[in-house]
C-alpha atoms as a PDB file:
ATOM      1  CA  UNK A   1     114.074 112.135  88.717  1.00  0.00           C
ATOM      2  CA  UNK A   2     117.610 111.809  90.050  1.00  0.00           C
ATOM      3  CA  UNK A   3     119.541 108.631  90.862  1.00  0.00           C
ATOM      4  CA  UNK A   4     121.733 108.505  93.973  1.00  0.00           C
ATOM      5  CA  UNK A   5     124.164 105.683  94.751  1.00  0.00           C
ATOM      6  CA  UNK A   6     124.586 104.060  98.158  1.00  0.00           C
ATOM      7  CA  UNK A   7     127.785 106.062  98.916  1.00  0.00           C
ATOM      8  CA  UNK A   8     129.745 102.797  99.200  1.00  0.00           C
ATOM      9  CA  UNK A   9     127.631 101.774 102.219  1.00  0.00           C
ATOM     10  CA  UNK A  10     125.024  99.226 101.129  1.00  0.00           C
ATOM     11  CA  UNK A  11     123.064  99.590 104.389  1.00  0.00           C
ATOM     12  CA  UNK A  12     122.187 103.206 103.519  1.00  0.00           C
ATOM     13  CA  UNK A  13     119.972 102.028 100.644  1.00  0.00           C
ATOM     14  CA  UNK A  14     117.637 100.534 103.283  1.00  0.00           C
ATOM     15  CA  UNK A  15     118.095 103.114 106.068  1.00  0.00           C
ATOM     16  CA  UNK A  16     115.103 105.313 106.852  1.00  0.00           C
ATOM     17  CA  UNK A  17     116.000 108.994 106.597  1.00  0.00           C
ATOM     18  CA  UNK A  18     118.909 108.393 104.215  1.00  0.00           C
ATOM     19  CA  UNK A  19     118.730 109.551 100.599  1.00  0.00           C
ATOM     20  CA  UNK A  20     121.531 107.209  99.474  1.00  0.00           C
ATOM     21  CA  UNK A  21     120.595 104.308  97.202  1.00  0.00           C
ATOM     22  CA  UNK A  22     117.460 106.065  96.014  1.00  0.00           C
ATOM     23  CA  UNK A  23     115.671 107.611  93.109  1.00  0.00           C
ATOM     24  CA  UNK A  24     114.698 111.113  94.139  1.00  0.00           C
ATOM     25  CA  UNK A  25     111.861 113.078  92.561  1.00  0.00           C
ATOM     26  CA  UNK A  26     111.689 116.870  92.686  1.00  0.00           C
ATOM     27  CA  UNK A  27     109.799 119.696  91.091  1.00  0.00           C
ATOM     28  CA  UNK A  28     111.642 121.911  88.611  1.00  0.00           C
ATOM     29  CA  UNK A  29     112.289 124.305  91.520  1.00  0.00           C
ATOM     30  CA  UNK A  30     113.805 121.512  93.670  1.00  0.00           C
ATOM     31  CA  UNK A  31     110.839 121.100  96.023  1.00  0.00           C
ATOM     32  CA  UNK A  32     109.169 117.837  97.043  1.00  0.00           C
ATOM     33  CA  UNK A  33     106.199 117.060  94.767  1.00  0.00           C
ATOM     34  CA  UNK A  34     102.962 116.756  96.733  1.00  0.00           C
ATOM     35  CA  UNK A  35     102.257 113.371  95.127  1.00  0.00           C
ATOM     36  CA  UNK A  36     105.580 111.754  96.108  1.00  0.00           C
ATOM     37  CA  UNK A  37     105.053 108.545  98.123  1.00  0.00           C
ATOM     38  CA  UNK A  38     106.005 110.574 101.232  1.00  0.00           C
ATOM     39  CA  UNK A  39     105.093 114.231 100.579  1.00  0.00           C
ATOM     40  CA  UNK A  40     107.753 115.277 103.106  1.00  0.00           C
ATOM     41  CA  UNK A  41     110.625 113.510 101.292  1.00  0.00           C
ATOM     42  CA  UNK A  42     112.371 113.617  97.924  1.00  0.00           C
ATOM     43  CA  UNK A  43     112.549 109.789  98.046  1.00  0.00           C
ATOM     44  CA  UNK A  44     110.596 108.244  95.187  1.00  0.00           C
ATOM     45  CA  UNK A  45     111.916 104.673  95.578  1.00  0.00           C
ATOM     46  CA  UNK A  46     114.774 103.003  97.462  1.00  0.00           C
ATOM     47  CA  UNK A  47     117.015  99.977  97.664  1.00  0.00           C
ATOM     48  CA  UNK A  48     119.419 100.674  94.796  1.00  0.00           C
ATOM     49  CA  UNK A  49     123.125  99.980  95.048  1.00  0.00           C
ATOM     50  CA  UNK A  50     124.632 102.050  92.296  1.00  0.00           C
ATOM     51  CA  UNK A  51     122.078 103.405  89.807  1.00  0.00           C
ATOM     52  CA  UNK A  52     123.675 105.062  86.786  1.00  0.00           C
ATOM     53  CA  UNK A  53     121.105 105.499  84.063  1.00  0.00           C
ATOM     54  CA  UNK A  54     117.436 106.362  84.114  1.00  0.00           C
ATOM     55  CA  UNK A  55     114.839 106.502  81.364  1.00  0.00           C
ATOM     56  CA  UNK A  56     111.122 107.252  81.377  1.00  0.00           C
ATOM     57  CA  UNK A  57     108.754 105.765  78.824  1.00  0.00           C
ATOM     58  CA  UNK A  58     106.767 108.824  77.735  1.00  0.00           C
ATOM     59  CA  UNK A  59     103.766 106.762  76.628  1.00  0.00           C
ATOM     60  CA  UNK A  60     103.357 104.755  79.850  1.00  0.00           C
ATOM     61  CA  UNK A  61     105.303 106.751  82.449  1.00  0.00           C
ATOM     62  CA  UNK A  62     107.319 103.603  83.288  1.00  0.00           C
ATOM     63  CA  UNK A  63     110.713 104.287  84.865  1.00  0.00           C
ATOM     64  CA  UNK A  64     113.706 102.099  84.022  1.00  0.00           C
ATOM     65  CA  UNK A  65     116.995 102.306  85.912  1.00  0.00           C
ATOM     66  CA  UNK A  66     120.365 100.692  85.215  1.00  0.00           C
ATOM     67  CA  UNK A  67     122.156  99.552  88.340  1.00  0.00           C
ATOM     68  CA  UNK A  68     125.845  98.625  88.304  1.00  0.00           C
ATOM     69  CA  UNK A  69     127.185  95.763  90.381  1.00  0.00           C
ATOM     70  CA  UNK A  70     130.602  95.939  92.056  1.00  0.00           C
ATOM     71  CA  UNK A  71     132.418  94.201  89.164  1.00  0.00           C
ATOM     72  CA  UNK A  72     129.610  92.415  87.281  1.00  0.00           C
ATOM     73  CA  UNK A  73     125.917  91.499  87.587  1.00  0.00           C
ATOM     74  CA  UNK A  74     124.636  94.829  86.274  1.00  0.00           C
ATOM     75  CA  UNK A  75     120.841  95.102  86.218  1.00  0.00           C
ATOM     76  CA  UNK A  76     118.027  96.840  84.428  1.00  0.00           C
ATOM     77  CA  UNK A  77     115.274  97.600  86.943  1.00  0.00           C
ATOM     78  CA  UNK A  78     111.700  98.731  86.520  1.00  0.00           C
ATOM     79  CA  UNK A  79     111.267 101.305  89.295  1.00  0.00           C
ATOM     80  CA  UNK A  80     107.954 101.949  91.006  1.00  0.00           C
ATOM     81  CA  UNK A  81     107.071 104.862  93.294  1.00  0.00           C
ATOM     82  CA  UNK A  82     107.206 103.939  96.973  1.00  0.00           C
ATOM     83  CA  UNK A  83     108.739 100.525  96.337  1.00  0.00           C
ATOM     84  CA  UNK A  84     112.011  98.922  97.327  1.00  0.00           C
END
């Protein structure tokens, strides 16, 4: 799993075809996993402004992402495959 910020363009986090503002999921070789929400895309989930940290609960598989606001209002998000 890799976090990608919105490249200072908030609209990109919601733009189809963009990889900005996303969590990307790849195989160890960099390919798209067959069980990604869209097996033709690295996108695992979208709609993030500026994700910095990511952690996976090994027992449950839950994915948690920290997202930084512009000057405040940082968030801790529970990320779900295919969701916004």
